[in-house]
Amino acid sequence: MRVDVITLFPEALESVLASSILGRAVREGRVEIVRTNLRDFAGDARGTVDDKPFGGGPGMVLMCEPVFRAVEHVRALDERPAWVVLLTPQGQRLDQAKVRDLAGRDRLMLVCGHYEGFDERIRTLADEEISIGDYVLTGGEVPALVVIDAVARLLPGVLGAEDGAREESFALGATGGGLEYPQYTRPREFRGMAVPEMLLSGNHAAIARWRADEARQRTRGRRADLSRLPEPSARPNGQGRDPVVGQGEPQEE
């Protein structure tokens, strides 16, 4: 996958894109991330990309000309069609379903907003608009990093544990689209807090059921809006509750 980012501050993305799992994915060629400075497409030597809004009002608005020139230039850099995304608080709220949709595309172009937003005509360039939440940031660089990180980790080979993305919060595997089950590692006991005996039992089917039940309970308690699953039914042998399909024992391929 190729991701183009059009931004006024390409240097703001550098450290995150070079670090940790995302940096390794870039170095291994699993995702290509290209940053383009919007000021390079300004119509004057000063690099002006914004102006006062017609009708009055506070702040400045990103102008049509530099954004159109930048998008058209970047679009032509690669033969793969670019899915153009404006990062704006007016967009569709990003969730894991949208992340999966974006991860299925060959090429994304993320356009970062700034100041008081985009000239309305710029929206005609976009295939869609995305917001990362119901709040306003100073610019689109942080949302761009959120989108890139969330999408890249779903690409083949990016995560070391291939099952990791299927069993975490909001995934459609063991959590059924809800929150992830509790996780523990060594030591077995710390300051009076012990790891549940179930996780030490070695019974993988029972552990899968326990995790499915814990994921349901956590989702219902913390994110009722995500809780669309029926209550698990009691098992006749008293050994727990049946998992919802896709949540319990691993399914055969």
C-alpha atoms as a PDB file:
ATOM      1  CA  MET A   1       0.000   0.000   0.000  1.00  0.00           C
ATOM      2  CA  ARG A   2       1.038   3.569  -0.690  1.00  0.00           C
ATOM      3  CA  VAL A   3      -0.125   6.424   1.547  1.00  0.00           C
ATOM      4  CA  ASP A   4       0.373  10.023   0.420  1.00  0.00           C
ATOM      5  CA  VAL A   5       0.011  12.760   3.026  1.00  0.00           C
ATOM      6  CA  ILE A   6      -0.487  16.369   1.957  1.00  0.00           C
ATOM      7  CA  THR A   7       0.385  18.590   4.893  1.00  0.00           C
ATOM      8  CA  LEU A   8       1.740  21.982   5.893  1.00  0.00           C
ATOM      9  CA  PHE A   9       4.053  20.294   8.393  1.00  0.00           C
ATOM     10  CA  PRO A  10       5.631  17.146   6.921  1.00  0.00           C
ATOM     11  CA  GLU A  11       8.314  17.180   9.609  1.00  0.00           C
ATOM     12  CA  ALA A  12       5.633  16.684  12.273  1.00  0.00           C
ATOM     13  CA  LEU A  13       5.043  13.144  10.983  1.00  0.00           C
ATOM     14  CA  GLU A  14       8.651  12.072  10.738  1.00  0.00           C
ATOM     15  CA  SER A  15       9.437  10.645  14.177  1.00  0.00           C
ATOM     16  CA  VAL A  16       6.254   8.580  14.454  1.00  0.00           C
ATOM     17  CA  LEU A  17       6.563   7.160  10.945  1.00  0.00           C
ATOM     18  CA  ALA A  18      10.143   6.086  11.681  1.00  0.00           C
ATOM     19  CA  SER A  19       9.423   4.415  15.020  1.00  0.00           C
ATOM     20  CA  SER A  20       8.371   1.027  16.343  1.00  0.00           C
ATOM     21  CA  ILE A  21       6.134  -1.289  14.311  1.00  0.00           C
ATOM     22  CA  LEU A  22       5.151   1.397  11.830  1.00  0.00           C
ATOM     23  CA  GLY A  23       8.767   2.321  11.147  1.00  0.00           C
ATOM     24  CA  ARG A  24       9.656  -1.332  10.594  1.00  0.00           C
ATOM     25  CA  ALA A  25       6.747  -1.721   8.174  1.00  0.00           C
ATOM     26  CA  VAL A  26       8.045   1.237   6.177  1.00  0.00           C
ATOM     27  CA  ARG A  27      11.611  -0.079   6.162  1.00  0.00           C
ATOM     28  CA  GLU A  28      10.452  -3.526   5.036  1.00  0.00           C
ATOM     29  CA  GLY A  29       8.403  -2.033   2.210  1.00  0.00           C
ATOM     30  CA  ARG A  30       5.052  -3.258   3.519  1.00  0.00           C
ATOM     31  CA  VAL A  31       3.696   0.286   3.336  1.00  0.00           C
ATOM     32  CA  GLU A  32       5.073   3.300   1.491  1.00  0.00           C
ATOM     33  CA  ILE A  33       4.387   6.692   3.061  1.00  0.00           C
ATOM     34  CA  VAL A  34       5.099   9.833   1.035  1.00  0.00           C
ATOM     35  CA  ARG A  35       4.775  13.305   2.552  1.00  0.00           C
ATOM     36  CA  THR A  36       4.092  16.349   0.386  1.00  0.00           C
ATOM     37  CA  ASN A  37       4.385  19.940   1.608  1.00  0.00           C
ATOM     38  CA  LEU A  38       1.310  21.927   0.627  1.00  0.00           C
ATOM     39  CA  ARG A  39       3.332  25.157   0.567  1.00  0.00           C
ATOM     40  CA  ASP A  40       5.254  23.849  -2.448  1.00  0.00           C
ATOM     41  CA  PHE A  41       2.057  24.442  -4.438  1.00  0.00           C
ATOM     42  CA  ALA A  42       1.390  28.001  -3.304  1.00  0.00           C
ATOM     43  CA  GLY A  43       0.955  30.671  -5.950  1.00  0.00           C
ATOM     44  CA  ASP A  44       3.539  33.090  -4.555  1.00  0.00           C
ATOM     45  CA  ALA A  45       7.078  33.133  -3.212  1.00  0.00           C
ATOM     46  CA  ARG A  46       5.849  33.471   0.362  1.00  0.00           C
ATOM     47  CA  GLY A  47       4.092  30.119   0.250  1.00  0.00           C
ATOM     48  CA  THR A  48       0.630  31.510   0.952  1.00  0.00           C
ATOM     49  CA  VAL A  49      -1.982  28.765   1.206  1.00  0.00           C
ATOM     50  CA  ASP A  50      -4.713  30.483   3.237  1.00  0.00           C
ATOM     51  CA  ASP A  51      -6.808  33.641   3.137  1.00  0.00           C
ATOM     52  CA  LYS A  52      -9.577  35.449   4.997  1.00  0.00           C
ATOM     53  CA  PRO A  53     -13.080  33.972   4.693  1.00  0.00           C
ATOM     54  CA  PHE A  54     -15.662  35.681   2.498  1.00  0.00           C
ATOM     55  CA  GLY A  55     -18.463  37.075   4.629  1.00  0.00           C
ATOM     56  CA  GLY A  56     -16.130  37.719   7.530  1.00  0.00           C
ATOM     57  CA  GLY A  57     -15.372  35.622  10.563  1.00  0.00           C
ATOM     58  CA  PRO A  58     -12.380  34.513  12.609  1.00  0.00           C
ATOM     59  CA  GLY A  59      -9.254  32.835  11.337  1.00  0.00           C
ATOM     60  CA  MET A  60      -8.084  31.852   7.895  1.00  0.00           C
ATOM     61  CA  VAL A  61      -9.316  29.293   5.351  1.00  0.00           C
ATOM     62  CA  LEU A  62      -7.216  26.972   3.188  1.00  0.00           C
ATOM     63  CA  MET A  63      -7.393  28.159  -0.419  1.00  0.00           C
ATOM     64  CA  CYS A  64      -8.571  26.105  -3.388  1.00  0.00           C
ATOM     65  CA  GLU A  65      -5.653  26.629  -5.744  1.00  0.00           C
ATOM     66  CA  PRO A  66      -2.766  25.139  -3.743  1.00  0.00           C
ATOM     67  CA  VAL A  67      -4.811  22.165  -2.545  1.00  0.00           C
ATOM     68  CA  PHE A  68      -6.093  21.360  -6.037  1.00  0.00           C
ATOM     69  CA  ARG A  69      -2.580  21.644  -7.464  1.00  0.00           C
ATOM     70  CA  ALA A  70      -1.133  19.440  -4.731  1.00  0.00           C
ATOM     71  CA  VAL A  71      -3.768  16.717  -5.043  1.00  0.00           C
ATOM     72  CA  GLU A  72      -3.534  16.639  -8.835  1.00  0.00           C
ATOM     73  CA  HIS A  73       0.268  16.523  -8.715  1.00  0.00           C
ATOM     74  CA  VAL A  74       0.410  13.757  -6.110  1.00  0.00           C
ATOM     75  CA  ARG A  75      -2.298  11.749  -7.866  1.00  0.00           C
ATOM     76  CA  ALA A  76      -0.093  11.575 -10.968  1.00  0.00           C
ATOM     77  CA  LEU A  77       2.961  10.263  -9.081  1.00  0.00           C
ATOM     78  CA  ASP A  78       1.707   6.675  -9.052  1.00  0.00           C
ATOM     79  CA  GLU A  79      -0.419   4.716 -11.493  1.00  0.00           C
ATOM     80  CA  ARG A  80      -2.558   3.249  -8.730  1.00  0.00           C
ATOM     81  CA  PRO A  81      -5.803   5.192  -8.204  1.00  0.00           C
ATOM     82  CA  ALA A  82      -5.667   7.229  -5.007  1.00  0.00           C
ATOM     83  CA  TRP A  83      -8.578   7.208  -2.557  1.00  0.00           C
ATOM     84  CA  VAL A  84      -8.610  10.836  -1.397  1.00  0.00           C
ATOM     85  CA  VAL A  85      -9.527  11.492   2.236  1.00  0.00           C
ATOM     86  CA  LEU A  86      -9.999  14.921   3.803  1.00  0.00           C
ATOM     87  CA  LEU A  87      -9.216  14.866   7.512  1.00  0.00           C
ATOM     88  CA  THR A  88     -11.813  17.120   9.087  1.00  0.00           C
ATOM     89  CA  PRO A  89     -14.060  17.121  12.184  1.00  0.00           C
ATOM     90  CA  GLN A  90     -17.035  17.201   9.799  1.00  0.00           C
ATOM     91  CA  GLY A  91     -16.195  13.763   8.414  1.00  0.00           C
ATOM     92  CA  GLN A  92     -17.414  10.263   9.201  1.00  0.00           C
ATOM     93  CA  ARG A  93     -16.092   9.143  12.557  1.00  0.00           C
ATOM     94  CA  LEU A  94     -13.268   6.645  12.181  1.00  0.00           C
ATOM     95  CA  ASP A  95     -13.987   3.184  13.542  1.00  0.00           C
ATOM     96  CA  GLN A  96     -12.513  -0.254  13.008  1.00  0.00           C
ATOM     97  CA  ALA A  97     -14.917  -1.064  10.182  1.00  0.00           C
ATOM     98  CA  LYS A  98     -13.749   2.021   8.294  1.00  0.00           C
ATOM     99  CA  VAL A  99     -10.117   1.129   9.048  1.00  0.00           C
ATOM    100  CA  ARG A 100     -10.652  -2.305   7.490  1.00  0.00           C
ATOM    101  CA  ASP A 101     -12.198  -0.665   4.446  1.00  0.00           C
ATOM    102  CA  LEU A 102      -9.234   1.679   4.031  1.00  0.00           C
ATOM    103  CA  ALA A 103      -6.761  -1.162   4.544  1.00  0.00           C
ATOM    104  CA  GLY A 104      -8.271  -2.937   1.545  1.00  0.00           C
ATOM    105  CA  ARG A 105      -7.281  -0.142  -0.830  1.00  0.00           C
ATOM    106  CA  ASP A 106      -4.032   0.006  -2.781  1.00  0.00           C
ATOM    107  CA  ARG A 107      -3.427   3.702  -2.264  1.00  0.00           C
ATOM    108  CA  LEU A 108      -4.646   6.422   0.094  1.00  0.00           C
ATOM    109  CA  MET A 109      -4.170  10.170  -0.117  1.00  0.00           C
ATOM    110  CA  LEU A 110      -4.694  11.973   3.196  1.00  0.00           C
ATOM    111  CA  VAL A 111      -5.191  15.736   3.044  1.00  0.00           C
ATOM    112  CA  CYS A 112      -4.571  17.489   6.364  1.00  0.00           C
ATOM    113  CA  GLY A 113      -6.717  20.465   7.255  1.00  0.00           C
ATOM    114  CA  HIS A 114      -5.545  23.533   9.152  1.00  0.00           C
ATOM    115  CA  TYR A 115      -6.677  26.953  10.346  1.00  0.00           C
ATOM    116  CA  GLU A 116     -10.471  27.349  10.109  1.00  0.00           C
ATOM    117  CA  GLY A 117     -10.769  24.506   7.614  1.00  0.00           C
ATOM    118  CA  PHE A 118     -11.042  23.995   3.870  1.00  0.00           C
ATOM    119  CA  ASP A 119     -12.588  26.210   1.240  1.00  0.00           C
ATOM    120  CA  GLU A 120     -15.815  24.309   0.581  1.00  0.00           C
ATOM    121  CA  ARG A 121     -14.861  23.681  -3.050  1.00  0.00           C
ATOM    122  CA  ILE A 122     -11.932  21.545  -1.940  1.00  0.00           C
ATOM    123  CA  ARG A 123     -14.422  18.921  -0.807  1.00  0.00           C
ATOM    124  CA  THR A 124     -15.124  18.091  -4.449  1.00  0.00           C
ATOM    125  CA  LEU A 125     -11.654  16.517  -4.601  1.00  0.00           C
ATOM    126  CA  ALA A 126     -12.356  13.997  -1.867  1.00  0.00           C
ATOM    127  CA  ASP A 127     -13.755  10.499  -2.040  1.00  0.00           C
ATOM    128  CA  GLU A 128     -14.665  10.833   1.621  1.00  0.00           C
ATOM    129  CA  GLU A 129     -14.054  12.878   4.765  1.00  0.00           C
ATOM    130  CA  ILE A 130     -12.924  11.310   8.026  1.00  0.00           C
ATOM    131  CA  SER A 131     -12.895  12.534  11.621  1.00  0.00           C
ATOM    132  CA  ILE A 132     -11.161  10.784  14.515  1.00  0.00           C
ATOM    133  CA  GLY A 133     -13.661  12.087  17.076  1.00  0.00           C
ATOM    134  CA  ASP A 134     -16.057  14.789  18.139  1.00  0.00           C
ATOM    135  CA  TYR A 135     -13.431  17.379  19.003  1.00  0.00           C
ATOM    136  CA  VAL A 136     -11.289  19.879  17.118  1.00  0.00           C
ATOM    137  CA  LEU A 137      -7.496  19.769  16.766  1.00  0.00           C
ATOM    138  CA  THR A 138      -5.095  22.419  15.501  1.00  0.00           C
ATOM    139  CA  GLY A 139      -4.443  20.452  12.328  1.00  0.00           C
ATOM    140  CA  GLY A 140      -4.869  17.194  10.458  1.00  0.00           C
ATOM    141  CA  GLU A 141      -1.433  15.738  11.140  1.00  0.00           C
ATOM    142  CA  VAL A 142      -2.439  13.828  14.278  1.00  0.00           C
ATOM    143  CA  PRO A 143      -5.539  12.377  12.551  1.00  0.00           C
ATOM    144  CA  ALA A 144      -3.329  11.395   9.602  1.00  0.00           C
ATOM    145  CA  LEU A 145      -1.019   9.482  11.932  1.00  0.00           C
ATOM    146  CA  VAL A 146      -3.999   7.787  13.572  1.00  0.00           C
ATOM    147  CA  VAL A 147      -5.329   6.640  10.197  1.00  0.00           C
ATOM    148  CA  ILE A 148      -1.916   5.459   9.001  1.00  0.00           C
ATOM    149  CA  ASP A 149      -1.166   3.517  12.172  1.00  0.00           C
ATOM    150  CA  ALA A 150      -4.609   1.896  12.351  1.00  0.00           C
ATOM    151  CA  VAL A 151      -4.546   0.916   8.677  1.00  0.00           C
ATOM    152  CA  ALA A 152      -0.929  -0.230   8.479  1.00  0.00           C
ATOM    153  CA  ARG A 153      -1.254  -2.719  11.326  1.00  0.00           C
ATOM    154  CA  LEU A 154      -3.923  -4.592   9.335  1.00  0.00           C
ATOM    155  CA  LEU A 155      -1.637  -5.053   6.331  1.00  0.00           C
ATOM    156  CA  PRO A 156      -0.050  -8.491   5.834  1.00  0.00           C
ATOM    157  CA  GLY A 157       3.192  -8.967   7.728  1.00  0.00           C
ATOM    158  CA  VAL A 158       3.087  -5.713   9.690  1.00  0.00           C
ATOM    159  CA  LEU A 159       2.234  -7.240  13.077  1.00  0.00           C
ATOM    160  CA  GLY A 160       4.581  -9.882  14.404  1.00  0.00           C
ATOM    161  CA  ALA A 161       1.649 -11.930  15.734  1.00  0.00           C
ATOM    162  CA  GLU A 162      -0.715 -12.455  12.824  1.00  0.00           C
ATOM    163  CA  ASP A 163      -3.599 -13.314  15.181  1.00  0.00           C
ATOM    164  CA  GLY A 164      -3.137 -10.114  17.170  1.00  0.00           C
ATOM    165  CA  ALA A 165      -5.326  -7.918  14.992  1.00  0.00           C
ATOM    166  CA  ARG A 166      -8.115 -10.523  15.036  1.00  0.00           C
ATOM    167  CA  GLU A 167      -8.369 -10.822  18.816  1.00  0.00           C
ATOM    168  CA  GLU A 168      -8.126  -7.233  20.046  1.00  0.00           C
ATOM    169  CA  SER A 169     -10.776  -4.619  20.791  1.00  0.00           C
ATOM    170  CA  PHE A 170     -13.197  -3.873  17.926  1.00  0.00           C
ATOM    171  CA  ALA A 171     -11.921  -6.791  15.829  1.00  0.00           C
ATOM    172  CA  LEU A 172     -14.314  -9.394  14.429  1.00  0.00           C
ATOM    173  CA  GLY A 173     -12.453 -12.383  15.846  1.00  0.00           C
ATOM    174  CA  ALA A 174     -12.461 -13.385  19.496  1.00  0.00           C
ATOM    175  CA  THR A 175     -14.026 -10.107  20.646  1.00  0.00           C
ATOM    176  CA  GLY A 176     -16.867 -10.100  18.106  1.00  0.00           C
ATOM    177  CA  GLY A 177     -16.399  -6.390  17.489  1.00  0.00           C
ATOM    178  CA  GLY A 178     -16.417  -5.485  21.187  1.00  0.00           C
ATOM    179  CA  LEU A 179     -13.654  -4.812  23.692  1.00  0.00           C
ATOM    180  CA  GLU A 180     -10.778  -7.197  24.231  1.00  0.00           C
ATOM    181  CA  TYR A 181     -10.634  -9.675  27.096  1.00  0.00           C
ATOM    182  CA  PRO A 182      -8.224  -9.061  30.046  1.00  0.00           C
ATOM    183  CA  GLN A 183      -4.569  -9.927  29.438  1.00  0.00           C
ATOM    184  CA  TYR A 184      -1.919 -11.037  31.949  1.00  0.00           C
ATOM    185  CA  THR A 185       1.785 -11.885  31.919  1.00  0.00           C
ATOM    186  CA  ARG A 186       4.430 -12.708  34.554  1.00  0.00           C
ATOM    187  CA  PRO A 187       4.572 -12.666  37.530  1.00  0.00           C
ATOM    188  CA  ARG A 188       1.635 -14.890  38.466  1.00  0.00           C
ATOM    189  CA  GLU A 189       0.964 -12.769  41.540  1.00  0.00           C
ATOM    190  CA  PHE A 190       1.780  -9.121  42.164  1.00  0.00           C
ATOM    191  CA  ARG A 191       0.900  -7.252  45.353  1.00  0.00           C
ATOM    192  CA  GLY A 192      -1.909  -9.629  46.130  1.00  0.00           C
ATOM    193  CA  MET A 193      -3.332  -9.590  42.598  1.00  0.00           C
ATOM    194  CA  ALA A 194      -3.224 -13.064  41.055  1.00  0.00           C
ATOM    195  CA  VAL A 195      -3.600 -14.207  37.470  1.00  0.00           C
ATOM    196  CA  PRO A 196      -6.935 -16.071  37.042  1.00  0.00           C
ATOM    197  CA  GLU A 197      -6.394 -19.804  37.443  1.00  0.00           C
ATOM    198  CA  MET A 198      -8.274 -20.447  34.202  1.00  0.00           C
ATOM    199  CA  LEU A 199      -5.432 -18.905  32.196  1.00  0.00           C
ATOM    200  CA  LEU A 200      -2.946 -21.260  33.852  1.00  0.00           C
ATOM    201  CA  SER A 201      -5.038 -24.396  33.291  1.00  0.00           C
ATOM    202  CA  GLY A 202      -3.742 -25.308  29.843  1.00  0.00           C
ATOM    203  CA  ASN A 203      -7.330 -26.037  28.726  1.00  0.00           C
ATOM    204  CA  HIS A 204      -7.432 -24.002  25.519  1.00  0.00           C
ATOM    205  CA  ALA A 205     -11.138 -24.517  24.846  1.00  0.00           C
ATOM    206  CA  ALA A 206     -12.045 -23.399  28.362  1.00  0.00           C
ATOM    207  CA  ILE A 207      -9.681 -20.429  28.102  1.00  0.00           C
ATOM    208  CA  ALA A 208     -11.345 -19.404  24.839  1.00  0.00           C
ATOM    209  CA  ARG A 209     -14.766 -19.529  26.514  1.00  0.00           C
ATOM    210  CA  TRP A 210     -13.499 -17.552  29.503  1.00  0.00           C
ATOM    211  CA  ARG A 211     -12.037 -14.892  27.237  1.00  0.00           C
ATOM    212  CA  ALA A 212     -15.247 -14.657  25.216  1.00  0.00           C
ATOM    213  CA  ASP A 213     -17.307 -14.187  28.376  1.00  0.00           C
ATOM    214  CA  GLU A 214     -14.889 -11.626  29.811  1.00  0.00           C
ATOM    215  CA  ALA A 215     -14.922  -9.699  26.530  1.00  0.00           C
ATOM    216  CA  ARG A 216     -18.730  -9.597  26.577  1.00  0.00           C
ATOM    217  CA  GLN A 217     -18.884  -8.446  30.173  1.00  0.00           C
ATOM    218  CA  ARG A 218     -16.266  -5.756  29.637  1.00  0.00           C
ATOM    219  CA  THR A 219     -18.013  -4.509  26.510  1.00  0.00           C
ATOM    220  CA  ARG A 220     -21.398  -4.333  28.215  1.00  0.00           C
ATOM    221  CA  GLY A 221     -19.933  -2.598  31.245  1.00  0.00           C
ATOM    222  CA  ARG A 222     -17.738  -0.054  29.464  1.00  0.00           C
ATOM    223  CA  ARG A 223     -19.136   0.342  25.953  1.00  0.00           C
ATOM    224  CA  ALA A 224     -22.809  -0.584  25.913  1.00  0.00           C
ATOM    225  CA  ASP A 225     -23.080   0.975  22.453  1.00  0.00           C
ATOM    226  CA  LEU A 226     -20.905  -1.870  21.135  1.00  0.00           C
ATOM    227  CA  SER A 227     -22.826  -4.581  22.942  1.00  0.00           C
ATOM    228  CA  ARG A 228     -24.911  -6.233  20.218  1.00  0.00           C
ATOM    229  CA  LEU A 229     -24.347  -9.828  21.273  1.00  0.00           C
ATOM    230  CA  PRO A 230     -26.873 -12.076  23.080  1.00  0.00           C
ATOM    231  CA  GLU A 231     -26.154 -13.239  26.608  1.00  0.00           C
ATOM    232  CA  PRO A 232     -24.170 -16.496  26.573  1.00  0.00           C
ATOM    233  CA  SER A 233     -26.258 -19.519  27.553  1.00  0.00           C
ATOM    234  CA  ALA A 234     -25.375 -21.690  30.544  1.00  0.00           C
ATOM    235  CA  ARG A 235     -23.646 -24.964  29.701  1.00  0.00           C
ATOM    236  CA  PRO A 236     -25.353 -28.069  31.134  1.00  0.00           C
ATOM    237  CA  ASN A 237     -22.115 -29.447  32.605  1.00  0.00           C
ATOM    238  CA  GLY A 238     -21.557 -26.265  34.611  1.00  0.00           C
ATOM    239  CA  GLN A 239     -18.190 -25.601  32.982  1.00  0.00           C
ATOM    240  CA  GLY A 240     -18.934 -22.106  31.773  1.00  0.00           C
ATOM    241  CA  ARG A 241     -21.038 -20.701  28.963  1.00  0.00           C
ATOM    242  CA  ASP A 242     -21.181 -21.383  25.259  1.00  0.00           C
ATOM    243  CA  PRO A 243     -19.300 -18.864  23.152  1.00  0.00           C
ATOM    244  CA  VAL A 244     -21.042 -16.845  20.506  1.00  0.00           C
ATOM    245  CA  VAL A 245     -19.965 -17.997  17.046  1.00  0.00           C
ATOM    246  CA  GLY A 246     -16.619 -16.438  16.206  1.00  0.00           C
ATOM    247  CA  GLN A 247     -15.791 -15.768  19.871  1.00  0.00           C
ATOM    248  CA  GLY A 248     -14.964 -19.063  21.523  1.00  0.00           C
ATOM    249  CA  GLU A 249     -12.787 -21.906  20.396  1.00  0.00           C
ATOM    250  CA  PRO A 250     -10.694 -21.102  17.345  1.00  0.00           C
ATOM    251  CA  GLN A 251     -12.591 -22.026  14.186  1.00  0.00           C
ATOM    252  CA  GLU A 252     -11.020 -24.392  11.683  1.00  0.00           C
ATOM    253  CA  GLU A 253      -9.805 -22.811   8.467  1.00  0.00           C
END
